[in-house]
Every structure is written in structure tokens, then in C-alpha cells.
Amino acid sequence: MSQDKKEKEIMNKDFQIVPVASNEVEFIINLIKRNLDHFEEAGSVLAASFRRLDNFEEIYFAEGSRYLVLKENQNQSCVGGAGIGPMAGLPPSEGIGEIRELVIGSDWRRRGWGTKLIEECLQVANELGYQRLYLETTPQMINAQKLFKRFGFKPVEDKSTDKPKDPGHLPCYFMKQTTL
């Protein structure tokens, strides 16, 4: 069987995206850590992600928040996930949400799962009443940035400086108007 055909079969494999259960939290936290660990964390956009892991249940089981897990139906194993919640410091009633801690296990990447998670995140964000969505990446997350742009997220540039922009620099912050 060719590699392409094998990957298509895996892509078509039954899966589900559901809210994380309490008994899956530790596994998801470890999956997030493994996937983000090799990126520069100190002083970067990932610092907030690592801080949220210490209060994962308090954050994602709260009003206006949800963490979704991508599971294989066959053995119910979690292969990825993504969180949705209010923008830091704002109540959900402000209507500005954030997609965060989107991860796919390394064995499951490049098969369309990120697309499925973003689609579900957008639907859940709409259900939660978010009118605008924000997300962050690192400059190294080129594939993630391409995915976000495909879904209509626009880069947010820092206009507070007169320094010339590095043409090779990719933005790390994105915003999208949702369809309520």
C-alpha cells in the first residue's frame, strides 16, 4: 500500500472531537508540554500557555471556556486538542475569545486533524458567544500560521515601533471576526 493511500485511510478513520473529561486532563497536559517543550518559552507567547497548565481544570471547566480533545473512536486515545476561552483578563461577556494550546501528537500531524480542530473551535466559540477570536503562535510555527490564515485569521502587527519590519519575520498574533 502506498504511503499516500495509507495516510488517506488514517485521515478517514473514525474520530471524534469532544470536551476533555476530568480523567483525560493529565494526559492532555503532558501532550501539550511534549509538543511545546522544544519551542523557546522564556519571554515568549508560550509563557502564558505553560502557566495555564498549572490551573488547567479551573480554566477550561469555567464559564465561557472549553478544551476539546481529538480522539480515535477505535481505542478512545487522545491524539490532540485545543482550548477556547475568554481573552486573558476579560469576562466572556466581552465577546473576545482566544484559541489556545492547540496541539496534535507528532504521529498524527499533516493529516488534517488541525483543520478539524479549528473548525470545531470556531463552532464552539460561536456557541459561547465570541464575536472575535485571538490566537498566538511562535515564529517557528509556520504550518500553524498557514492554517490560521486559511481560516481567515489576520496577523496583528505591532505598530507601536518605528523599527523596520524584518521581511522574514512571521507574525505571532492573529485575530478573526466570527460569524454570530
N, C-alpha and C. Protein backbone atom coordinates (compact mmCIF):
# COMPACT_ATOMS: atom_id res chain seq x y z
N MET A 1 0.85 -1.17 0.00
CA MET A 1 0.00 0.00 0.00
C MET A 1 0.90 1.24 0.00
N SER A 2 0.58 2.20 -0.85
CA SER A 2 1.39 3.42 -0.93
C SER A 2 1.22 4.26 0.33
N GLN A 3 2.23 5.08 0.62
CA GLN A 3 2.19 5.96 1.80
C GLN A 3 1.00 6.92 1.71
N ASP A 4 0.74 7.49 0.51
CA ASP A 4 -0.37 8.42 0.35
C ASP A 4 -1.71 7.75 0.66
N LYS A 5 -1.88 6.52 0.13
CA LYS A 5 -3.13 5.81 0.37
C LYS A 5 -3.29 5.48 1.85
N LYS A 6 -2.20 5.06 2.48
CA LYS A 6 -2.23 4.75 3.90
C LYS A 6 -2.62 5.98 4.72
N GLU A 7 -2.03 7.15 4.40
CA GLU A 7 -2.35 8.38 5.11
C GLU A 7 -3.80 8.77 4.90
N LYS A 8 -4.35 8.58 3.69
CA LYS A 8 -5.75 8.90 3.43
C LYS A 8 -6.67 8.00 4.24
N GLU A 9 -6.29 6.73 4.38
CA GLU A 9 -7.09 5.82 5.19
C GLU A 9 -7.10 6.27 6.64
N ILE A 10 -5.93 6.69 7.14
CA ILE A 10 -5.86 7.17 8.51
C ILE A 10 -6.70 8.44 8.65
N MET A 11 -6.61 9.33 7.66
CA MET A 11 -7.38 10.58 7.70
C MET A 11 -8.87 10.30 7.76
N ASN A 12 -9.32 9.25 7.10
CA ASN A 12 -10.74 8.92 7.06
C ASN A 12 -11.18 8.05 8.24
N LYS A 13 -10.23 7.67 9.08
CA LYS A 13 -10.54 6.85 10.24
C LYS A 13 -11.53 7.59 11.13
N ASP A 14 -12.43 6.86 11.74
CA ASP A 14 -13.40 7.49 12.63
C ASP A 14 -12.71 8.17 13.79
N PHE A 15 -13.12 9.37 14.08
CA PHE A 15 -12.61 10.13 15.20
C PHE A 15 -13.74 10.98 15.75
N GLN A 16 -13.52 11.56 16.89
CA GLN A 16 -14.48 12.47 17.48
C GLN A 16 -13.74 13.60 18.15
N ILE A 17 -14.39 14.75 18.21
CA ILE A 17 -13.86 15.89 18.95
C ILE A 17 -14.89 16.19 20.02
N VAL A 18 -14.45 16.06 21.27
CA VAL A 18 -15.35 16.20 22.41
C VAL A 18 -14.66 17.01 23.51
N PRO A 19 -15.46 17.58 24.43
CA PRO A 19 -14.83 18.27 25.56
C PRO A 19 -13.99 17.30 26.38
N VAL A 20 -12.88 17.79 26.90
CA VAL A 20 -11.99 16.96 27.70
C VAL A 20 -12.73 16.49 28.96
N ALA A 21 -12.50 15.25 29.33
CA ALA A 21 -13.04 14.70 30.57
C ALA A 21 -11.99 14.83 31.67
N SER A 22 -12.43 14.88 32.90
CA SER A 22 -11.50 15.03 34.03
C SER A 22 -10.40 13.99 34.03
N ASN A 23 -10.74 12.76 33.66
CA ASN A 23 -9.73 11.69 33.69
C ASN A 23 -8.73 11.79 32.52
N GLU A 24 -8.92 12.72 31.60
CA GLU A 24 -8.00 12.91 30.47
C GLU A 24 -7.09 14.13 30.65
N VAL A 25 -7.35 14.92 31.69
CA VAL A 25 -6.63 16.18 31.86
C VAL A 25 -5.13 15.97 31.97
N GLU A 26 -4.68 15.05 32.79
CA GLU A 26 -3.24 14.83 32.97
C GLU A 26 -2.58 14.43 31.65
N PHE A 27 -3.23 13.56 30.89
CA PHE A 27 -2.68 13.15 29.60
C PHE A 27 -2.56 14.35 28.66
N ILE A 28 -3.60 15.18 28.61
CA ILE A 28 -3.61 16.35 27.72
C ILE A 28 -2.52 17.34 28.14
N ILE A 29 -2.39 17.59 29.44
CA ILE A 29 -1.34 18.49 29.91
C ILE A 29 0.03 17.99 29.45
N ASN A 30 0.27 16.70 29.59
CA ASN A 30 1.56 16.14 29.15
C ASN A 30 1.73 16.22 27.64
N LEU A 31 0.65 16.03 26.88
CA LEU A 31 0.71 16.15 25.43
C LEU A 31 1.07 17.59 25.04
N ILE A 32 0.47 18.55 25.70
CA ILE A 32 0.77 19.96 25.42
C ILE A 32 2.24 20.25 25.74
N LYS A 33 2.69 19.81 26.90
CA LYS A 33 4.10 20.04 27.29
C LYS A 33 5.06 19.42 26.28
N ARG A 34 4.80 18.17 25.89
CA ARG A 34 5.69 17.50 24.91
C ARG A 34 5.73 18.24 23.58
N ASN A 35 4.59 18.79 23.17
CA ASN A 35 4.52 19.45 21.87
C ASN A 35 5.08 20.86 21.88
N LEU A 36 5.04 21.52 23.02
CA LEU A 36 5.52 22.90 23.08
C LEU A 36 6.91 23.02 23.70
N ASP A 37 7.38 21.96 24.30
CA ASP A 37 8.63 21.98 25.05
C ASP A 37 9.84 22.41 24.24
N HIS A 38 9.91 22.08 22.97
CA HIS A 38 11.11 22.40 22.18
C HIS A 38 11.11 23.83 21.62
N PHE A 39 10.02 24.58 21.85
CA PHE A 39 9.98 25.98 21.43
C PHE A 39 10.54 26.84 22.56
N GLU A 40 11.10 27.97 22.20
CA GLU A 40 11.62 28.89 23.21
C GLU A 40 10.46 29.43 24.03
N GLU A 41 10.47 29.15 25.33
CA GLU A 41 9.35 29.53 26.18
C GLU A 41 9.58 30.83 26.93
N ALA A 42 10.78 31.04 27.42
CA ALA A 42 11.03 32.20 28.28
C ALA A 42 10.78 33.50 27.53
N GLY A 43 9.88 34.30 28.06
CA GLY A 43 9.59 35.60 27.47
C GLY A 43 8.81 35.54 26.18
N SER A 44 8.36 34.38 25.79
CA SER A 44 7.65 34.25 24.51
C SER A 44 6.15 34.13 24.74
N VAL A 45 5.45 33.97 23.64
CA VAL A 45 4.00 33.81 23.71
C VAL A 45 3.61 32.52 24.41
N LEU A 46 4.52 31.58 24.53
CA LEU A 46 4.19 30.30 25.17
C LEU A 46 4.19 30.36 26.69
N ALA A 47 4.74 31.42 27.26
CA ALA A 47 4.78 31.53 28.72
C ALA A 47 3.37 31.43 29.31
N ALA A 48 2.39 32.07 28.69
CA ALA A 48 1.01 32.02 29.19
C ALA A 48 0.45 30.60 29.08
N SER A 49 0.80 29.88 28.02
CA SER A 49 0.34 28.51 27.87
C SER A 49 0.86 27.63 29.00
N PHE A 50 2.14 27.75 29.29
CA PHE A 50 2.71 26.94 30.36
C PHE A 50 2.11 27.31 31.72
N ARG A 51 1.81 28.59 31.96
CA ARG A 51 1.16 28.99 33.21
C ARG A 51 -0.25 28.41 33.31
N ARG A 52 -0.98 28.38 32.19
CA ARG A 52 -2.35 27.84 32.22
C ARG A 52 -2.37 26.36 32.57
N LEU A 53 -1.33 25.64 32.25
CA LEU A 53 -1.32 24.20 32.54
C LEU A 53 -1.41 23.91 34.03
N ASP A 54 -0.92 24.82 34.86
CA ASP A 54 -0.98 24.63 36.31
C ASP A 54 -2.41 24.73 36.84
N ASN A 55 -3.29 25.37 36.10
CA ASN A 55 -4.70 25.55 36.51
C ASN A 55 -5.65 25.08 35.42
N PHE A 56 -5.26 24.04 34.72
CA PHE A 56 -5.99 23.58 33.53
C PHE A 56 -7.49 23.39 33.79
N GLU A 57 -7.83 22.61 34.81
CA GLU A 57 -9.25 22.33 35.06
C GLU A 57 -10.01 23.59 35.47
N GLU A 58 -9.41 24.40 36.32
CA GLU A 58 -10.04 25.65 36.76
C GLU A 58 -10.32 26.56 35.55
N ILE A 59 -9.41 26.58 34.61
CA ILE A 59 -9.55 27.44 33.43
C ILE A 59 -10.54 26.86 32.42
N TYR A 60 -10.38 25.59 32.07
CA TYR A 60 -11.17 25.03 30.97
C TYR A 60 -12.52 24.44 31.37
N PHE A 61 -12.80 24.33 32.66
CA PHE A 61 -14.13 23.91 33.08
C PHE A 61 -14.94 25.11 33.58
N ALA A 62 -14.43 26.31 33.34
CA ALA A 62 -15.11 27.56 33.76
C ALA A 62 -16.07 28.04 32.68
N GLU A 63 -16.95 28.94 33.07
CA GLU A 63 -17.89 29.55 32.13
C GLU A 63 -17.13 30.21 30.97
N GLY A 64 -17.60 29.99 29.75
CA GLY A 64 -17.00 30.61 28.58
C GLY A 64 -15.74 29.93 28.09
N SER A 65 -15.42 28.78 28.66
CA SER A 65 -14.20 28.06 28.26
C SER A 65 -14.51 26.60 27.99
N ARG A 66 -13.65 26.01 27.17
CA ARG A 66 -13.77 24.58 26.88
C ARG A 66 -12.45 24.12 26.28
N TYR A 67 -12.05 22.91 26.64
CA TYR A 67 -10.91 22.30 25.99
C TYR A 67 -11.45 21.08 25.24
N LEU A 68 -11.19 21.04 23.94
CA LEU A 68 -11.67 19.96 23.08
C LEU A 68 -10.54 18.98 22.82
N VAL A 69 -10.86 17.69 22.86
CA VAL A 69 -9.87 16.67 22.55
C VAL A 69 -10.28 15.93 21.29
N LEU A 70 -9.28 15.60 20.51
CA LEU A 70 -9.45 14.79 19.32
C LEU A 70 -9.11 13.37 19.71
N LYS A 71 -10.08 12.46 19.53
CA LYS A 71 -9.91 11.07 19.96
C LYS A 71 -10.17 10.12 18.80
N GLU A 72 -9.41 9.06 18.80
CA GLU A 72 -9.70 7.95 17.89
C GLU A 72 -10.91 7.20 18.46
N ASN A 73 -11.87 6.87 17.63
CA ASN A 73 -13.02 6.12 18.12
C ASN A 73 -12.64 4.68 18.47
N GLN A 74 -11.72 4.11 17.72
CA GLN A 74 -11.39 2.70 17.90
C GLN A 74 -10.88 2.40 19.31
N ASN A 75 -9.94 3.20 19.79
CA ASN A 75 -9.40 2.92 21.13
C ASN A 75 -9.54 4.09 22.10
N GLN A 76 -10.27 5.12 21.69
CA GLN A 76 -10.55 6.29 22.54
C GLN A 76 -9.29 7.01 23.02
N SER A 77 -8.19 6.87 22.30
CA SER A 77 -6.97 7.59 22.70
C SER A 77 -7.02 9.03 22.19
N CYS A 78 -6.53 9.94 23.02
CA CYS A 78 -6.45 11.35 22.67
C CYS A 78 -5.22 11.57 21.80
N VAL A 79 -5.41 12.20 20.66
CA VAL A 79 -4.28 12.46 19.76
C VAL A 79 -4.02 13.95 19.57
N GLY A 80 -4.88 14.78 20.14
CA GLY A 80 -4.69 16.22 20.03
C GLY A 80 -5.76 16.96 20.80
N GLY A 81 -5.69 18.29 20.73
CA GLY A 81 -6.68 19.09 21.42
C GLY A 81 -6.48 20.57 21.17
N ALA A 82 -7.45 21.34 21.63
CA ALA A 82 -7.39 22.80 21.52
C ALA A 82 -8.33 23.40 22.56
N GLY A 83 -7.91 24.53 23.12
CA GLY A 83 -8.71 25.22 24.12
C GLY A 83 -9.34 26.48 23.57
N ILE A 84 -10.48 26.84 24.15
CA ILE A 84 -11.18 28.07 23.82
C ILE A 84 -11.55 28.72 25.16
N GLY A 85 -11.33 30.01 25.23
CA GLY A 85 -11.69 30.73 26.44
C GLY A 85 -11.68 32.22 26.19
N PRO A 86 -12.06 32.99 27.21
CA PRO A 86 -12.05 34.44 27.04
C PRO A 86 -10.61 34.96 26.95
N MET A 87 -10.45 36.05 26.24
CA MET A 87 -9.14 36.70 26.17
C MET A 87 -8.69 37.03 27.59
N ALA A 88 -7.42 36.83 27.86
CA ALA A 88 -6.87 37.00 29.21
C ALA A 88 -7.35 38.29 29.87
N GLY A 89 -7.91 38.13 31.06
CA GLY A 89 -8.34 39.29 31.83
C GLY A 89 -9.72 39.81 31.50
N LEU A 90 -10.36 39.30 30.47
CA LEU A 90 -11.69 39.78 30.08
C LEU A 90 -12.75 38.76 30.46
N PRO A 91 -13.94 39.23 30.85
CA PRO A 91 -15.03 38.28 31.08
C PRO A 91 -15.57 37.79 29.73
N PRO A 92 -16.14 36.58 29.70
CA PRO A 92 -16.70 36.07 28.44
C PRO A 92 -17.72 37.02 27.81
N SER A 93 -18.41 37.81 28.62
CA SER A 93 -19.43 38.72 28.11
C SER A 93 -18.87 39.79 27.18
N GLU A 94 -17.56 40.03 27.21
CA GLU A 94 -16.94 41.00 26.30
C GLU A 94 -16.95 40.50 24.86
N GLY A 95 -17.11 39.19 24.66
CA GLY A 95 -17.19 38.63 23.31
C GLY A 95 -15.86 38.46 22.59
N ILE A 96 -14.75 38.57 23.33
CA ILE A 96 -13.43 38.36 22.71
C ILE A 96 -12.84 37.09 23.28
N GLY A 97 -12.72 36.09 22.44
CA GLY A 97 -12.22 34.80 22.86
C GLY A 97 -10.84 34.52 22.32
N GLU A 98 -10.33 33.39 22.76
CA GLU A 98 -8.97 33.01 22.39
C GLU A 98 -8.93 31.50 22.14
N ILE A 99 -8.27 31.10 21.07
CA ILE A 99 -7.98 29.69 20.83
C ILE A 99 -6.56 29.49 21.32
N ARG A 100 -6.35 28.48 22.16
CA ARG A 100 -5.02 28.29 22.75
C ARG A 100 -4.71 26.81 22.98
N GLU A 101 -3.45 26.55 23.15
CA GLU A 101 -2.95 25.19 23.40
C GLU A 101 -3.46 24.18 22.36
N LEU A 102 -3.43 24.58 21.10
CA LEU A 102 -3.79 23.66 20.02
C LEU A 102 -2.58 22.78 19.75
N VAL A 103 -2.74 21.49 19.96
CA VAL A 103 -1.64 20.54 19.74
C VAL A 103 -2.17 19.29 19.05
N ILE A 104 -1.30 18.71 18.27
CA ILE A 104 -1.56 17.42 17.63
C ILE A 104 -0.33 16.56 17.93
N GLY A 105 -0.54 15.35 18.41
CA GLY A 105 0.58 14.45 18.67
C GLY A 105 1.42 14.27 17.41
N SER A 106 2.71 14.14 17.58
CA SER A 106 3.63 14.11 16.43
C SER A 106 3.30 13.00 15.43
N ASP A 107 2.78 11.88 15.88
CA ASP A 107 2.43 10.79 14.95
C ASP A 107 1.18 11.08 14.13
N TRP A 108 0.45 12.14 14.46
CA TRP A 108 -0.82 12.42 13.82
C TRP A 108 -0.83 13.70 13.01
N ARG A 109 0.30 14.33 12.87
CA ARG A 109 0.36 15.60 12.14
C ARG A 109 0.30 15.39 10.64
N ARG A 110 -0.06 16.48 9.94
CA ARG A 110 -0.09 16.52 8.47
C ARG A 110 -1.14 15.56 7.90
N ARG A 111 -2.23 15.39 8.65
CA ARG A 111 -3.31 14.51 8.21
C ARG A 111 -4.67 15.21 8.25
N GLY A 112 -4.66 16.52 8.51
CA GLY A 112 -5.90 17.27 8.51
C GLY A 112 -6.55 17.44 9.87
N TRP A 113 -5.95 16.91 10.91
CA TRP A 113 -6.56 16.99 12.24
C TRP A 113 -6.59 18.43 12.76
N GLY A 114 -5.55 19.22 12.47
CA GLY A 114 -5.55 20.62 12.89
C GLY A 114 -6.71 21.38 12.28
N THR A 115 -6.99 21.10 11.02
CA THR A 115 -8.13 21.72 10.34
C THR A 115 -9.43 21.35 11.04
N LYS A 116 -9.59 20.08 11.38
CA LYS A 116 -10.81 19.63 12.06
C LYS A 116 -10.96 20.31 13.42
N LEU A 117 -9.84 20.43 14.14
CA LEU A 117 -9.91 21.08 15.45
C LEU A 117 -10.27 22.56 15.33
N ILE A 118 -9.68 23.26 14.37
CA ILE A 118 -10.01 24.68 14.18
C ILE A 118 -11.49 24.82 13.80
N GLU A 119 -11.99 23.97 12.91
CA GLU A 119 -13.41 24.03 12.53
C GLU A 119 -14.29 23.89 13.77
N GLU A 120 -13.98 22.92 14.61
CA GLU A 120 -14.78 22.71 15.82
C GLU A 120 -14.62 23.86 16.80
N CYS A 121 -13.41 24.39 16.94
CA CYS A 121 -13.17 25.54 17.82
C CYS A 121 -14.01 26.74 17.38
N LEU A 122 -14.08 26.98 16.09
CA LEU A 122 -14.87 28.10 15.58
C LEU A 122 -16.35 27.91 15.89
N GLN A 123 -16.82 26.69 15.76
CA GLN A 123 -18.23 26.41 16.06
C GLN A 123 -18.50 26.61 17.55
N VAL A 124 -17.63 26.08 18.40
CA VAL A 124 -17.81 26.21 19.85
C VAL A 124 -17.69 27.68 20.27
N ALA A 125 -16.74 28.39 19.70
CA ALA A 125 -16.58 29.82 20.02
C ALA A 125 -17.85 30.58 19.68
N ASN A 126 -18.46 30.24 18.57
CA ASN A 126 -19.73 30.85 18.18
C ASN A 126 -20.82 30.53 19.21
N GLU A 127 -20.89 29.26 19.63
CA GLU A 127 -21.87 28.85 20.64
C GLU A 127 -21.65 29.58 21.96
N LEU A 128 -20.39 29.85 22.29
CA LEU A 128 -20.05 30.54 23.54
C LEU A 128 -20.24 32.06 23.44
N GLY A 129 -20.56 32.55 22.24
CA GLY A 129 -20.86 33.96 22.06
C GLY A 129 -19.68 34.85 21.74
N TYR A 130 -18.57 34.27 21.33
CA TYR A 130 -17.41 35.09 20.99
C TYR A 130 -17.58 35.70 19.61
N GLN A 131 -17.41 37.02 19.54
CA GLN A 131 -17.54 37.74 18.27
C GLN A 131 -16.19 37.93 17.59
N ARG A 132 -15.13 37.91 18.38
CA ARG A 132 -13.77 37.98 17.84
C ARG A 132 -12.94 36.93 18.53
N LEU A 133 -12.03 36.35 17.76
CA LEU A 133 -11.13 35.33 18.30
C LEU A 133 -9.69 35.75 18.08
N TYR A 134 -8.89 35.46 19.04
CA TYR A 134 -7.48 35.79 19.05
C TYR A 134 -6.71 34.50 19.22
N LEU A 135 -5.51 34.43 18.67
CA LEU A 135 -4.62 33.30 18.95
C LEU A 135 -3.18 33.73 18.77
N GLU A 136 -2.29 32.96 19.38
CA GLU A 136 -0.86 33.25 19.34
C GLU A 136 -0.10 32.02 18.86
N THR A 137 1.02 32.27 18.22
CA THR A 137 1.94 31.20 17.82
C THR A 137 3.34 31.68 18.15
N THR A 138 4.31 30.91 17.73
CA THR A 138 5.69 31.37 17.80
C THR A 138 6.15 31.55 16.35
N PRO A 139 7.23 32.27 16.13
CA PRO A 139 7.72 32.42 14.76
C PRO A 139 8.06 31.09 14.09
N GLN A 140 8.41 30.09 14.88
CA GLN A 140 8.76 28.77 14.32
C GLN A 140 7.55 27.96 13.87
N MET A 141 6.37 28.30 14.28
CA MET A 141 5.16 27.53 13.98
C MET A 141 4.58 27.93 12.63
N ILE A 142 5.34 27.73 11.59
CA ILE A 142 4.97 28.16 10.25
C ILE A 142 3.72 27.44 9.75
N ASN A 143 3.65 26.12 9.95
CA ASN A 143 2.47 25.37 9.49
C ASN A 143 1.21 25.83 10.21
N ALA A 144 1.31 26.09 11.50
CA ALA A 144 0.15 26.58 12.26
C ALA A 144 -0.29 27.94 11.74
N GLN A 145 0.67 28.81 11.44
CA GLN A 145 0.32 30.14 10.93
C GLN A 145 -0.40 30.04 9.59
N LYS A 146 0.06 29.14 8.73
CA LYS A 146 -0.61 28.94 7.44
C LYS A 146 -2.04 28.45 7.66
N LEU A 147 -2.22 27.53 8.61
CA LEU A 147 -3.55 27.00 8.92
C LEU A 147 -4.47 28.12 9.39
N PHE A 148 -3.99 28.95 10.30
CA PHE A 148 -4.82 30.03 10.83
C PHE A 148 -5.21 31.01 9.74
N LYS A 149 -4.29 31.33 8.87
CA LYS A 149 -4.59 32.26 7.77
C LYS A 149 -5.65 31.67 6.84
N ARG A 150 -5.60 30.35 6.60
CA ARG A 150 -6.61 29.71 5.75
C ARG A 150 -8.01 29.88 6.32
N PHE A 151 -8.12 29.99 7.64
CA PHE A 151 -9.41 30.15 8.28
C PHE A 151 -9.80 31.61 8.48
N GLY A 152 -9.03 32.53 7.89
CA GLY A 152 -9.39 33.93 7.93
C GLY A 152 -8.82 34.72 9.09
N PHE A 153 -7.94 34.11 9.87
CA PHE A 153 -7.27 34.87 10.93
C PHE A 153 -6.28 35.82 10.27
N LYS A 154 -6.29 37.05 10.73
CA LYS A 154 -5.41 38.09 10.18
C LYS A 154 -4.29 38.37 11.16
N PRO A 155 -3.07 38.51 10.66
CA PRO A 155 -1.95 38.85 11.55
C PRO A 155 -2.17 40.21 12.20
N VAL A 156 -1.79 40.31 13.46
CA VAL A 156 -1.85 41.57 14.19
C VAL A 156 -0.41 42.04 14.31
N GLU A 157 -0.13 43.16 13.69
CA GLU A 157 1.23 43.71 13.69
C GLU A 157 1.39 44.75 14.79
N ASP A 158 2.58 44.84 15.35
CA ASP A 158 2.90 45.85 16.35
C ASP A 158 3.22 47.16 15.64
N LYS A 159 2.34 48.11 15.76
CA LYS A 159 2.53 49.41 15.10
C LYS A 159 3.11 50.45 16.06
N SER A 160 3.48 50.01 17.26
CA SER A 160 3.96 50.95 18.26
C SER A 160 5.46 51.27 18.12
N THR A 161 6.11 50.67 17.16
CA THR A 161 7.54 50.88 17.00
C THR A 161 7.84 51.40 15.60
N ASP A 162 8.89 52.16 15.51
CA ASP A 162 9.33 52.67 14.21
C ASP A 162 10.38 51.78 13.57
N LYS A 163 10.73 50.68 14.28
CA LYS A 163 11.76 49.79 13.73
C LYS A 163 11.25 49.16 12.44
N PRO A 164 12.12 49.06 11.43
CA PRO A 164 11.69 48.41 10.19
C PRO A 164 11.38 46.94 10.43
N LYS A 165 10.39 46.45 9.72
CA LYS A 165 9.99 45.05 9.85
C LYS A 165 10.98 44.16 9.11
N ASP A 166 11.33 43.07 9.76
CA ASP A 166 12.18 42.07 9.14
C ASP A 166 11.32 41.32 8.13
N PRO A 167 11.67 41.34 6.84
CA PRO A 167 10.82 40.69 5.83
C PRO A 167 10.65 39.19 6.06
N GLY A 168 11.58 38.56 6.76
CA GLY A 168 11.46 37.13 7.02
C GLY A 168 10.69 36.83 8.29
N HIS A 169 10.34 37.86 9.05
CA HIS A 169 9.64 37.68 10.32
C HIS A 169 8.16 37.36 10.07
N LEU A 170 7.70 36.34 10.73
CA LEU A 170 6.29 35.98 10.64
C LEU A 170 5.58 36.47 11.90
N PRO A 171 4.36 36.95 11.76
CA PRO A 171 3.64 37.43 12.93
C PRO A 171 3.28 36.29 13.87
N CYS A 172 3.15 36.60 15.14
CA CYS A 172 2.81 35.58 16.13
C CYS A 172 1.41 35.76 16.69
N TYR A 173 0.75 36.85 16.33
CA TYR A 173 -0.56 37.15 16.88
C TYR A 173 -1.57 37.28 15.74
N PHE A 174 -2.76 36.66 15.94
CA PHE A 174 -3.77 36.65 14.89
C PHE A 174 -5.13 36.96 15.49
N MET A 175 -6.02 37.58 14.69
CA MET A 175 -7.37 37.92 15.14
C MET A 175 -8.33 37.56 14.02
N LYS A 176 -9.56 37.19 14.41
CA LYS A 176 -10.59 36.85 13.43
C LYS A 176 -11.94 37.31 13.96
N GLN A 177 -12.72 37.90 13.07
CA GLN A 177 -14.12 38.24 13.38
C GLN A 177 -14.92 36.96 13.15
N THR A 178 -15.74 36.56 14.12
CA THR A 178 -16.52 35.33 13.96
C THR A 178 -17.86 35.65 13.31
N THR A 179 -18.59 34.61 12.98
CA THR A 179 -19.88 34.77 12.31
C THR A 179 -21.01 34.44 13.27
N LEU A 180 -21.39 35.38 14.10
CA LEU A 180 -22.52 35.17 15.02
C LEU A 180 -23.83 35.37 14.31
